[in-house]
Every structure is written in C-alpha cells, then in structure tokens.
Amino acid sequence: MAIVNKASKFLTEVKVEMSKVSWPTVDELKGSTKIVIILSLAFAIYIFGIDQILSQVIKLIY
C-alpha cells in the first residue's frame, strides 16, 4: 500500500504545482511560435550558406 500512498501524494503535489503555473495566452503563444519559426528558418539558411561556402572551399583544395 505504500506505493499507492506515494503515488497519491505525488499526484496531489503535481496538482498544487500545476495550479501555480502561469500559462500563456493564445496571442502570446502565437507570437512566440512565430518568433521560433522565423529564427529557426534564419538559422537554417545561415547553416546552409556556411555549408555551401565550405563545400566550395573543400572542392578547391581537393
């Protein structure tokens, strides 16, 4: 029975902690999502550019 009591206590504590969480509004979530997508695309383009440059350099060397 000890495991049942531990699980019950754990779930009660989870419920208390989850009530303390400040959840974002829909507009905040949309804004954050747009920023993540834009930065991810910018980073991907940057990495692609560096990869292309280094590929050309390697082709010139070998």
PDB file of N, CA and C in Angstrom:
ATOM      1  N   MET A   1       0.814  -1.205   0.000  1.00  0.00           N
ATOM      2  CA  MET A   1       0.000   0.000   0.000  1.00  0.00           C
ATOM      3  C   MET A   1       0.854   1.265   0.000  1.00  0.00           C
ATOM      4  N   ALA A   2       2.120   1.153   0.367  1.00  0.00           N
ATOM      5  CA  ALA A   2       2.977   2.331   0.449  1.00  0.00           C
ATOM      6  C   ALA A   2       3.108   3.008  -0.913  1.00  0.00           C
ATOM      7  N   ILE A   3       3.170   2.200  -1.961  1.00  0.00           N
ATOM      8  CA  ILE A   3       3.322   2.794  -3.295  1.00  0.00           C
ATOM      9  C   ILE A   3       2.066   3.563  -3.700  1.00  0.00           C
ATOM     10  N   VAL A   4       0.916   3.093  -3.291  1.00  0.00           N
ATOM     11  CA  VAL A   4      -0.337   3.801  -3.599  1.00  0.00           C
ATOM     12  C   VAL A   4      -0.358   5.138  -2.877  1.00  0.00           C
ATOM     13  N   ASN A   5       0.088   5.162  -1.625  1.00  0.00           N
ATOM     14  CA  ASN A   5       0.128   6.409  -0.866  1.00  0.00           C
ATOM     15  C   ASN A   5       1.125   7.391  -1.478  1.00  0.00           C
ATOM     16  N   LYS A   6       2.275   6.877  -1.895  1.00  0.00           N
ATOM     17  CA  LYS A   6       3.283   7.732  -2.532  1.00  0.00           C
ATOM     18  C   LYS A   6       2.754   8.298  -3.842  1.00  0.00           C
ATOM     19  N   ALA A   7       2.101   7.473  -4.640  1.00  0.00           N
ATOM     20  CA  ALA A   7       1.547   7.927  -5.913  1.00  0.00           C
ATOM     21  C   ALA A   7       0.463   8.966  -5.682  1.00  0.00           C
ATOM     22  N   SER A   8      -0.367   8.750  -4.697  1.00  0.00           N
ATOM     23  CA  SER A   8      -1.436   9.692  -4.373  1.00  0.00           C
ATOM     24  C   SER A   8      -0.857  11.032  -3.924  1.00  0.00           C
ATOM     25  N   LYS A   9       0.164  10.974  -3.064  1.00  0.00           N
ATOM     26  CA  LYS A   9       0.817  12.209  -2.600  1.00  0.00           C
ATOM     27  C   LYS A   9       1.468  12.938  -3.773  1.00  0.00           C
ATOM     28  N   PHE A  10       2.132  12.179  -4.630  1.00  0.00           N
ATOM     29  CA  PHE A  10       2.787  12.774  -5.798  1.00  0.00           C
ATOM     30  C   PHE A  10       1.774  13.495  -6.681  1.00  0.00           C
ATOM     31  N   LEU A  11       0.661  12.842  -6.987  1.00  0.00           N
ATOM     32  CA  LEU A  11      -0.340  13.444  -7.859  1.00  0.00           C
ATOM     33  C   LEU A  11      -0.976  14.676  -7.213  1.00  0.00           C
ATOM     34  N   THR A  12      -1.155  14.651  -5.903  1.00  0.00           N
ATOM     35  CA  THR A  12      -1.684  15.815  -5.195  1.00  0.00           C
ATOM     36  C   THR A  12      -0.706  16.981  -5.303  1.00  0.00           C
ATOM     37  N   GLU A  13       0.582  16.700  -5.129  1.00  0.00           N
ATOM     38  CA  GLU A  13       1.599  17.747  -5.245  1.00  0.00           C
ATOM     39  C   GLU A  13       1.693  18.285  -6.664  1.00  0.00           C
ATOM     40  N   VAL A  14       1.541  17.407  -7.645  1.00  0.00           N
ATOM     41  CA  VAL A  14       1.544  17.842  -9.043  1.00  0.00           C
ATOM     42  C   VAL A  14       0.393  18.805  -9.285  1.00  0.00           C
ATOM     43  N   LYS A  15      -0.773  18.469  -8.775  1.00  0.00           N
ATOM     44  CA  LYS A  15      -1.952  19.332  -8.950  1.00  0.00           C
ATOM     45  C   LYS A  15      -1.715  20.708  -8.330  1.00  0.00           C
ATOM     46  N   VAL A  16      -1.108  20.751  -7.146  1.00  0.00           N
ATOM     47  CA  VAL A  16      -0.815  22.025  -6.481  1.00  0.00           C
ATOM     48  C   VAL A  16       0.179  22.836  -7.306  1.00  0.00           C
ATOM     49  N   GLU A  17       1.239  22.203  -7.758  1.00  0.00           N
ATOM     50  CA  GLU A  17       2.258  22.911  -8.538  1.00  0.00           C
ATOM     51  C   GLU A  17       1.705  23.393  -9.883  1.00  0.00           C
ATOM     52  N   MET A  18       0.879  22.588 -10.529  1.00  0.00           N
ATOM     53  CA  MET A  18       0.312  22.980 -11.824  1.00  0.00           C
ATOM     54  C   MET A  18      -0.624  24.176 -11.670  1.00  0.00           C
ATOM     55  N   SER A  19      -1.244  24.330 -10.507  1.00  0.00           N
ATOM     56  CA  SER A  19      -2.113  25.491 -10.293  1.00  0.00           C
ATOM     57  C   SER A  19      -1.295  26.769 -10.154  1.00  0.00           C
ATOM     58  N   LYS A  20       0.008  26.659  -9.878  1.00  0.00           N
ATOM     59  CA  LYS A  20       0.887  27.821  -9.746  1.00  0.00           C
ATOM     60  C   LYS A  20       1.449  28.288 -11.093  1.00  0.00           C
ATOM     61  N   VAL A  21       1.317  27.470 -12.107  1.00  0.00           N
ATOM     62  CA  VAL A  21       1.890  27.772 -13.419  1.00  0.00           C
ATOM     63  C   VAL A  21       1.118  28.912 -14.064  1.00  0.00           C
ATOM     64  N   SER A  22       1.866  29.859 -14.641  1.00  0.00           N
ATOM     65  CA  SER A  22       1.193  30.927 -15.380  1.00  0.00           C
ATOM     66  C   SER A  22       1.236  30.553 -16.859  1.00  0.00           C
ATOM     67  N   TRP A  23       0.100  30.178 -17.388  1.00  0.00           N
ATOM     68  CA  TRP A  23       0.005  29.710 -18.763  1.00  0.00           C
ATOM     69  C   TRP A  23      -0.090  30.899 -19.698  1.00  0.00           C
ATOM     70  N   PRO A  24       0.548  30.841 -20.866  1.00  0.00           N
ATOM     71  CA  PRO A  24       0.482  31.963 -21.814  1.00  0.00           C
ATOM     72  C   PRO A  24      -0.904  32.066 -22.446  1.00  0.00           C
ATOM     73  N   THR A  25      -1.238  33.292 -22.855  1.00  0.00           N
ATOM     74  CA  THR A  25      -2.488  33.476 -23.575  1.00  0.00           C
ATOM     75  C   THR A  25      -2.297  32.977 -25.002  1.00  0.00           C
ATOM     76  N   VAL A  26      -3.381  32.877 -25.734  1.00  0.00           N
ATOM     77  CA  VAL A  26      -3.313  32.405 -27.119  1.00  0.00           C
ATOM     78  C   VAL A  26      -2.460  33.358 -27.955  1.00  0.00           C
ATOM     79  N   ASP A  27      -2.629  34.666 -27.739  1.00  0.00           N
ATOM     80  CA  ASP A  27      -1.853  35.645 -28.505  1.00  0.00           C
ATOM     81  C   ASP A  27      -0.362  35.557 -28.179  1.00  0.00           C
ATOM     82  N   GLU A  28      -0.017  35.375 -26.907  1.00  0.00           N
ATOM     83  CA  GLU A  28       1.387  35.211 -26.531  1.00  0.00           C
ATOM     84  C   GLU A  28       1.970  33.955 -27.157  1.00  0.00           C
ATOM     85  N   LEU A  29       1.202  32.898 -27.164  1.00  0.00           N
ATOM     86  CA  LEU A  29       1.651  31.636 -27.738  1.00  0.00           C
ATOM     87  C   LEU A  29       1.883  31.765 -29.246  1.00  0.00           C
ATOM     88  N   LYS A  30       0.959  32.442 -29.928  1.00  0.00           N
ATOM     89  CA  LYS A  30       1.123  32.652 -31.371  1.00  0.00           C
ATOM     90  C   LYS A  30       2.361  33.489 -31.663  1.00  0.00           C
ATOM     91  N   GLY A  31       2.568  34.542 -30.875  1.00  0.00           N
ATOM     92  CA  GLY A  31       3.746  35.396 -31.073  1.00  0.00           C
ATOM     93  C   GLY A  31       5.038  34.636 -30.856  1.00  0.00           C
ATOM     94  N   SER A  32       5.090  33.851 -29.795  1.00  0.00           N
ATOM     95  CA  SER A  32       6.289  33.059 -29.509  1.00  0.00           C
ATOM     96  C   SER A  32       6.536  32.033 -30.610  1.00  0.00           C
ATOM     97  N   THR A  33       5.475  31.425 -31.100  1.00  0.00           N
ATOM     98  CA  THR A  33       5.604  30.430 -32.162  1.00  0.00           C
ATOM     99  C   THR A  33       6.167  31.065 -33.431  1.00  0.00           C
ATOM    100  N   LYS A  34       5.673  32.251 -33.774  1.00  0.00           N
ATOM    101  CA  LYS A  34       6.187  32.956 -34.964  1.00  0.00           C
ATOM    102  C   LYS A  34       7.670  33.257 -34.815  1.00  0.00           C
ATOM    103  N   ILE A  35       8.074  33.715 -33.638  1.00  0.00           N
ATOM    104  CA  ILE A  35       9.485  34.031 -33.408  1.00  0.00           C
ATOM    105  C   ILE A  35      10.345  32.781 -33.552  1.00  0.00           C
ATOM    106  N   VAL A  36       9.897  31.676 -32.984  1.00  0.00           N
ATOM    107  CA  VAL A  36      10.663  30.422 -33.073  1.00  0.00           C
ATOM    108  C   VAL A  36      10.788  29.965 -34.519  1.00  0.00           C
ATOM    109  N   ILE A  37       9.708  30.060 -35.282  1.00  0.00           N
ATOM    110  CA  ILE A  37       9.752  29.636 -36.688  1.00  0.00           C
ATOM    111  C   ILE A  37      10.697  30.521 -37.483  1.00  0.00           C
ATOM    112  N   ILE A  38      10.593  31.835 -37.295  1.00  0.00           N
ATOM    113  CA  ILE A  38      11.453  32.776 -38.033  1.00  0.00           C
ATOM    114  C   ILE A  38      12.920  32.551 -37.692  1.00  0.00           C
ATOM    115  N   LEU A  39      13.226  32.423 -36.400  1.00  0.00           N
ATOM    116  CA  LEU A  39      14.623  32.214 -36.007  1.00  0.00           C
ATOM    117  C   LEU A  39      15.143  30.859 -36.482  1.00  0.00           C
ATOM    118  N   SER A  40      14.302  29.856 -36.478  1.00  0.00           N
ATOM    119  CA  SER A  40      14.723  28.538 -36.972  1.00  0.00           C
ATOM    120  C   SER A  40      15.041  28.593 -38.463  1.00  0.00           C
ATOM    121  N   LEU A  41      14.201  29.271 -39.232  1.00  0.00           N
ATOM    122  CA  LEU A  41      14.463  29.413 -40.667  1.00  0.00           C
ATOM    123  C   LEU A  41      15.733  30.219 -40.914  1.00  0.00           C
ATOM    124  N   ALA A  42      15.921  31.298 -40.159  1.00  0.00           N
ATOM    125  CA  ALA A  42      17.123  32.118 -40.328  1.00  0.00           C
ATOM    126  C   ALA A  42      18.372  31.303 -40.007  1.00  0.00           C
ATOM    127  N   PHE A  43      18.319  30.536 -38.944  1.00  0.00           N
ATOM    128  CA  PHE A  43      19.457  29.701 -38.569  1.00  0.00           C
ATOM    129  C   PHE A  43      19.721  28.636 -39.628  1.00  0.00           C
ATOM    130  N   ALA A  44      18.670  28.031 -40.164  1.00  0.00           N
ATOM    131  CA  ALA A  44      18.829  27.008 -41.203  1.00  0.00           C
ATOM    132  C   ALA A  44      19.460  27.610 -42.456  1.00  0.00           C
ATOM    133  N   ILE A  45      19.022  28.802 -42.834  1.00  0.00           N
ATOM    134  CA  ILE A  45      19.593  29.473 -44.012  1.00  0.00           C
ATOM    135  C   ILE A  45      21.062  29.802 -43.772  1.00  0.00           C
ATOM    136  N   TYR A  46      21.373  30.268 -42.566  1.00  0.00           N
ATOM    137  CA  TYR A  46      22.762  30.582 -42.213  1.00  0.00           C
ATOM    138  C   TYR A  46      23.640  29.331 -42.304  1.00  0.00           C
ATOM    139  N   ILE A  47      23.197  28.249 -41.711  1.00  0.00           N
ATOM    140  CA  ILE A  47      23.964  26.995 -41.738  1.00  0.00           C
ATOM    141  C   ILE A  47      24.116  26.497 -43.172  1.00  0.00           C
ATOM    142  N   PHE A  48      23.040  26.619 -43.975  1.00  0.00           N
ATOM    143  CA  PHE A  48      23.114  26.207 -45.375  1.00  0.00           C
ATOM    144  C   PHE A  48      24.169  27.022 -46.116  1.00  0.00           C
ATOM    145  N   GLY A  49      24.190  28.316 -45.884  1.00  0.00           N
ATOM    146  CA  GLY A  49      25.177  29.178 -46.542  1.00  0.00           C
ATOM    147  C   GLY A  49      26.599  28.817 -46.164  1.00  0.00           C
ATOM    148  N   ILE A  50      26.832  28.621 -44.885  1.00  0.00           N
ATOM    149  CA  ILE A  50      28.166  28.234 -44.425  1.00  0.00           C
ATOM    150  C   ILE A  50      28.563  26.885 -45.025  1.00  0.00           C
ATOM    151  N   ASP A  51      27.621  25.961 -45.081  1.00  0.00           N
ATOM    152  CA  ASP A  51      27.889  24.643 -45.656  1.00  0.00           C
ATOM    153  C   ASP A  51      28.266  24.756 -47.126  1.00  0.00           C
ATOM    154  N   GLN A  52      27.545  25.584 -47.863  1.00  0.00           N
ATOM    155  CA  GLN A  52      27.851  25.766 -49.290  1.00  0.00           C
ATOM    156  C   GLN A  52      29.236  26.372 -49.479  1.00  0.00           C
ATOM    157  N   ILE A  53      29.565  27.368 -48.679  1.00  0.00           N
ATOM    158  CA  ILE A  53      30.884  28.005 -48.780  1.00  0.00           C
ATOM    159  C   ILE A  53      31.989  27.006 -48.462  1.00  0.00           C
ATOM    160  N   LEU A  54      31.827  26.272 -47.375  1.00  0.00           N
ATOM    161  CA  LEU A  54      32.856  25.299 -47.009  1.00  0.00           C
ATOM    162  C   LEU A  54      32.964  24.174 -48.034  1.00  0.00           C
ATOM    163  N   SER A  55      31.864  23.777 -48.635  1.00  0.00           N
ATOM    164  CA  SER A  55      31.902  22.751 -49.683  1.00  0.00           C
ATOM    165  C   SER A  55      32.727  23.230 -50.877  1.00  0.00           C
ATOM    166  N   GLN A  56      32.531  24.489 -51.249  1.00  0.00           N
ATOM    167  CA  GLN A  56      33.294  25.036 -52.370  1.00  0.00           C
ATOM    168  C   GLN A  56      34.784  25.120 -52.030  1.00  0.00           C
ATOM    169  N   VAL A  57      35.086  25.510 -50.822  1.00  0.00           N
ATOM    170  CA  VAL A  57      36.489  25.577 -50.392  1.00  0.00           C
ATOM    171  C   VAL A  57      37.135  24.200 -50.426  1.00  0.00           C
ATOM    172  N   ILE A  58      36.427  23.201 -49.946  1.00  0.00           N
ATOM    173  CA  ILE A  58      36.955  21.836 -49.950  1.00  0.00           C
ATOM    174  C   ILE A  58      37.168  21.357 -51.393  1.00  0.00           C
ATOM    175  N   LYS A  59      36.236  21.689 -52.303  1.00  0.00           N
ATOM    176  CA  LYS A  59      36.387  21.284 -53.705  1.00  0.00           C
ATOM    177  C   LYS A  59      37.619  21.949 -54.328  1.00  0.00           C
ATOM    178  N   LEU A  60      37.894  23.198 -53.941  1.00  0.00           N
ATOM    179  CA  LEU A  60      39.071  23.867 -54.483  1.00  0.00           C
ATOM    180  C   LEU A  60      40.367  23.245 -53.967  1.00  0.00           C
ATOM    181  N   ILE A  61      40.351  22.801 -52.722  1.00  0.00           N
ATOM    182  CA  ILE A  61      41.549  22.209 -52.142  1.00  0.00           C
ATOM    183  C   ILE A  61      41.823  20.829 -52.712  1.00  0.00           C
ATOM    184  N   TYR A  62      40.770  20.010 -52.873  1.00  0.00           N
ATOM    185  CA  TYR A  62      40.963  18.644 -53.338  1.00  0.00           C
ATOM    186  C   TYR A  62      40.529  18.547 -54.742  1.00  0.00           C
TER     187      TYR A  62
END
